[in-house]
Amino acid sequence: MDVLWSALRVSLRLAWWLARLPVLVVRHLFRGTRRLSGAVTLLQTDALPCRGCGNPVSLVGRWQCGRCKFTTDGFMFAGCPVCGSVPPYIPCANCGVGLRNPTQA
C-alpha cells in the first residue's frame, strides 16, 4: 500500500510539472525576446524619446549610481564600475518622467 501511495504522489508531481512546463517556457522566451529587442534598440541609438514630453533623452553622459553614489561618465544603462548595479530607469532632464531600461524585463 505504501508503494502505491508513493507511486501516486510521484505521478501527480510529474503531471503537475508537465502541465506547468509550457507556461514556464513561454514566459522565459517572452522575457528573452524583450531583453534582446531592448539590447538591439540600445545598440542602434544614443538617445531614446521621453514618454512624457517627447524630447530625446541622451543615454551617454555623467551619471551617479543609485546604490553606491559613485559618479562616472559613460553609458547610462551600463553597470556601475564600483558596485556593478544597473539602473532600472533614468529621469528625463526636461520633465522628470522616468525612462525604463529597455534591457530589463
C-alpha atoms as a PDB file:
ATOM      1  CA  MET A   1       0.000   0.000   0.000  1.00  0.00           C
ATOM      2  CA  ASP A   2       2.887   2.319   0.798  1.00  0.00           C
ATOM      3  CA  VAL A   3       4.385   1.760  -2.635  1.00  0.00           C
ATOM      4  CA  LEU A   4       1.055   2.599  -4.246  1.00  0.00           C
ATOM      5  CA  TRP A   5       0.822   5.961  -2.439  1.00  0.00           C
ATOM      6  CA  SER A   6       4.381   6.921  -3.277  1.00  0.00           C
ATOM      7  CA  ALA A   7       3.840   5.990  -6.936  1.00  0.00           C
ATOM      8  CA  LEU A   8       0.659   8.084  -6.964  1.00  0.00           C
ATOM      9  CA  ARG A   9       2.494  11.008  -5.386  1.00  0.00           C
ATOM     10  CA  VAL A  10       5.299  10.802  -7.948  1.00  0.00           C
ATOM     11  CA  SER A  11       2.772  10.580 -10.785  1.00  0.00           C
ATOM     12  CA  LEU A  12       0.915  13.654  -9.533  1.00  0.00           C
ATOM     13  CA  ARG A  13       4.147  15.621  -9.214  1.00  0.00           C
ATOM     14  CA  LEU A  14       5.159  14.625 -12.717  1.00  0.00           C
ATOM     15  CA  ALA A  15       1.753  15.619 -14.097  1.00  0.00           C
ATOM     16  CA  TRP A  16       1.981  18.972 -12.281  1.00  0.00           C
ATOM     17  CA  TRP A  17       5.388  19.767 -13.771  1.00  0.00           C
ATOM     18  CA  LEU A  18       4.381  18.612 -17.239  1.00  0.00           C
ATOM     19  CA  ALA A  19       1.355  20.909 -17.108  1.00  0.00           C
ATOM     20  CA  ARG A  20       3.430  23.810 -15.809  1.00  0.00           C
ATOM     21  CA  LEU A  21       6.386  23.409 -18.160  1.00  0.00           C
ATOM     22  CA  PRO A  22       4.854  25.052 -21.288  1.00  0.00           C
ATOM     23  CA  VAL A  23       3.885  28.122 -19.258  1.00  0.00           C
ATOM     24  CA  LEU A  24       7.419  28.480 -17.909  1.00  0.00           C
ATOM     25  CA  VAL A  25       8.986  28.038 -21.344  1.00  0.00           C
ATOM     26  CA  VAL A  26       6.701  30.654 -22.940  1.00  0.00           C
ATOM     27  CA  ARG A  27       7.348  33.110 -20.106  1.00  0.00           C
ATOM     28  CA  HIS A  28      11.125  32.780 -20.393  1.00  0.00           C
ATOM     29  CA  LEU A  29      11.012  33.058 -24.184  1.00  0.00           C
ATOM     30  CA  PHE A  30       8.918  36.228 -23.912  1.00  0.00           C
ATOM     31  CA  ARG A  31      11.332  37.780 -21.405  1.00  0.00           C
ATOM     32  CA  GLY A  32      14.345  36.822 -23.503  1.00  0.00           C
ATOM     33  CA  THR A  33      12.778  38.316 -26.624  1.00  0.00           C
ATOM     34  CA  ARG A  34      12.020  41.585 -24.822  1.00  0.00           C
ATOM     35  CA  ARG A  35      15.571  41.822 -23.483  1.00  0.00           C
ATOM     36  CA  LEU A  36      17.063  41.063 -26.879  1.00  0.00           C
ATOM     37  CA  SER A  37      14.920  43.683 -28.618  1.00  0.00           C
ATOM     38  CA  GLY A  38      15.901  46.216 -25.937  1.00  0.00           C
ATOM     39  CA  ALA A  39      19.573  45.437 -26.435  1.00  0.00           C
ATOM     40  CA  VAL A  40      19.240  45.883 -30.205  1.00  0.00           C
ATOM     41  CA  THR A  41      17.487  49.229 -29.619  1.00  0.00           C
ATOM     42  CA  LEU A  42      20.304  50.405 -27.359  1.00  0.00           C
ATOM     43  CA  LEU A  43      22.932  49.358 -29.894  1.00  0.00           C
ATOM     44  CA  GLN A  44      21.295  51.439 -32.620  1.00  0.00           C
ATOM     45  CA  THR A  45      20.738  54.756 -30.827  1.00  0.00           C
ATOM     46  CA  ASP A  46      22.342  57.194 -28.381  1.00  0.00           C
ATOM     47  CA  ALA A  47      19.048  58.719 -27.222  1.00  0.00           C
ATOM     48  CA  LEU A  48      15.521  57.492 -26.530  1.00  0.00           C
ATOM     49  CA  PRO A  49      12.372  59.626 -26.711  1.00  0.00           C
ATOM     50  CA  CYS A  50      10.755  60.629 -23.421  1.00  0.00           C
ATOM     51  CA  ARG A  51       7.203  59.327 -22.988  1.00  0.00           C
ATOM     52  CA  GLY A  52       6.202  62.480 -21.148  1.00  0.00           C
ATOM     53  CA  CYS A  53       7.455  65.368 -23.270  1.00  0.00           C
ATOM     54  CA  GLY A  54       8.769  63.645 -26.421  1.00  0.00           C
ATOM     55  CA  ASN A  55      12.245  65.166 -26.205  1.00  0.00           C
ATOM     56  CA  PRO A  56      15.217  62.842 -26.723  1.00  0.00           C
ATOM     57  CA  VAL A  57      16.904  61.634 -23.526  1.00  0.00           C
ATOM     58  CA  SER A  58      20.632  61.126 -24.026  1.00  0.00           C
ATOM     59  CA  LEU A  59      21.937  57.750 -22.912  1.00  0.00           C
ATOM     60  CA  VAL A  60      25.552  58.909 -22.784  1.00  0.00           C
ATOM     61  CA  GLY A  61      26.796  61.357 -20.170  1.00  0.00           C
ATOM     62  CA  ARG A  62      27.605  61.795 -16.499  1.00  0.00           C
ATOM     63  CA  TRP A  63      25.514  59.769 -14.085  1.00  0.00           C
ATOM     64  CA  GLN A  64      25.522  58.834 -10.417  1.00  0.00           C
ATOM     65  CA  CYS A  65      24.981  55.282  -9.216  1.00  0.00           C
ATOM     66  CA  GLY A  66      21.834  54.960  -7.133  1.00  0.00           C
ATOM     67  CA  ARG A  67      23.364  52.288  -4.894  1.00  0.00           C
ATOM     68  CA  CYS A  68      26.910  53.449  -4.075  1.00  0.00           C
ATOM     69  CA  LYS A  69      26.652  57.120  -5.260  1.00  0.00           C
ATOM     70  CA  PHE A  70      29.759  56.814  -7.468  1.00  0.00           C
ATOM     71  CA  THR A  71      29.725  59.395 -10.292  1.00  0.00           C
ATOM     72  CA  THR A  72      31.082  58.400 -13.688  1.00  0.00           C
ATOM     73  CA  ASP A  73      30.932  59.363 -17.363  1.00  0.00           C
ATOM     74  CA  GLY A  74      29.632  56.835 -19.857  1.00  0.00           C
ATOM     75  CA  PHE A  75      26.594  54.897 -20.970  1.00  0.00           C
ATOM     76  CA  MET A  76      23.613  55.356 -18.633  1.00  0.00           C
ATOM     77  CA  PHE A  77      22.410  51.739 -18.638  1.00  0.00           C
ATOM     78  CA  ALA A  78      25.875  50.203 -18.195  1.00  0.00           C
ATOM     79  CA  GLY A  79      26.815  48.613 -14.908  1.00  0.00           C
ATOM     80  CA  CYS A  80      28.431  50.771 -12.239  1.00  0.00           C
ATOM     81  CA  PRO A  81      32.236  50.329 -12.297  1.00  0.00           C
ATOM     82  CA  VAL A  82      32.334  50.142  -8.484  1.00  0.00           C
ATOM     83  CA  CYS A  83      29.344  48.013  -7.400  1.00  0.00           C
ATOM     84  CA  GLY A  84      28.082  46.643 -10.752  1.00  0.00           C
ATOM     85  CA  SER A  85      24.444  47.694 -10.323  1.00  0.00           C
ATOM     86  CA  VAL A  86      22.454  48.642 -13.439  1.00  0.00           C
ATOM     87  CA  PRO A  87      19.870  51.436 -13.161  1.00  0.00           C
ATOM     88  CA  PRO A  88      16.290  50.316 -13.918  1.00  0.00           C
ATOM     89  CA  TYR A  89      15.394  53.781 -15.230  1.00  0.00           C
ATOM     90  CA  ILE A  90      16.803  57.272 -15.864  1.00  0.00           C
ATOM     91  CA  PRO A  91      14.871  60.515 -15.420  1.00  0.00           C
ATOM     92  CA  CYS A  92      14.185  62.904 -18.302  1.00  0.00           C
ATOM     93  CA  ALA A  93      16.104  66.176 -17.825  1.00  0.00           C
ATOM     94  CA  ASN A  94      13.151  68.241 -19.096  1.00  0.00           C
ATOM     95  CA  CYS A  95      10.062  66.815 -17.389  1.00  0.00           C
ATOM     96  CA  GLY A  96      11.426  64.286 -14.857  1.00  0.00           C
ATOM     97  CA  VAL A  97       9.486  61.279 -16.196  1.00  0.00           C
ATOM     98  CA  GLY A  98      11.409  58.024 -15.757  1.00  0.00           C
ATOM     99  CA  LEU A  99      12.688  56.267 -18.868  1.00  0.00           C
ATOM    100  CA  ARG A 100      12.736  52.484 -18.302  1.00  0.00           C
ATOM    101  CA  ASN A 101      15.807  50.408 -19.142  1.00  0.00           C
ATOM    102  CA  PRO A 102      14.840  48.512 -22.320  1.00  0.00           C
ATOM    103  CA  THR A 103      17.012  45.509 -21.473  1.00  0.00           C
ATOM    104  CA  GLN A 104      15.185  44.746 -18.222  1.00  0.00           C
ATOM    105  CA  ALA A 105      12.009  42.768 -18.440  1.00  0.00           C
END
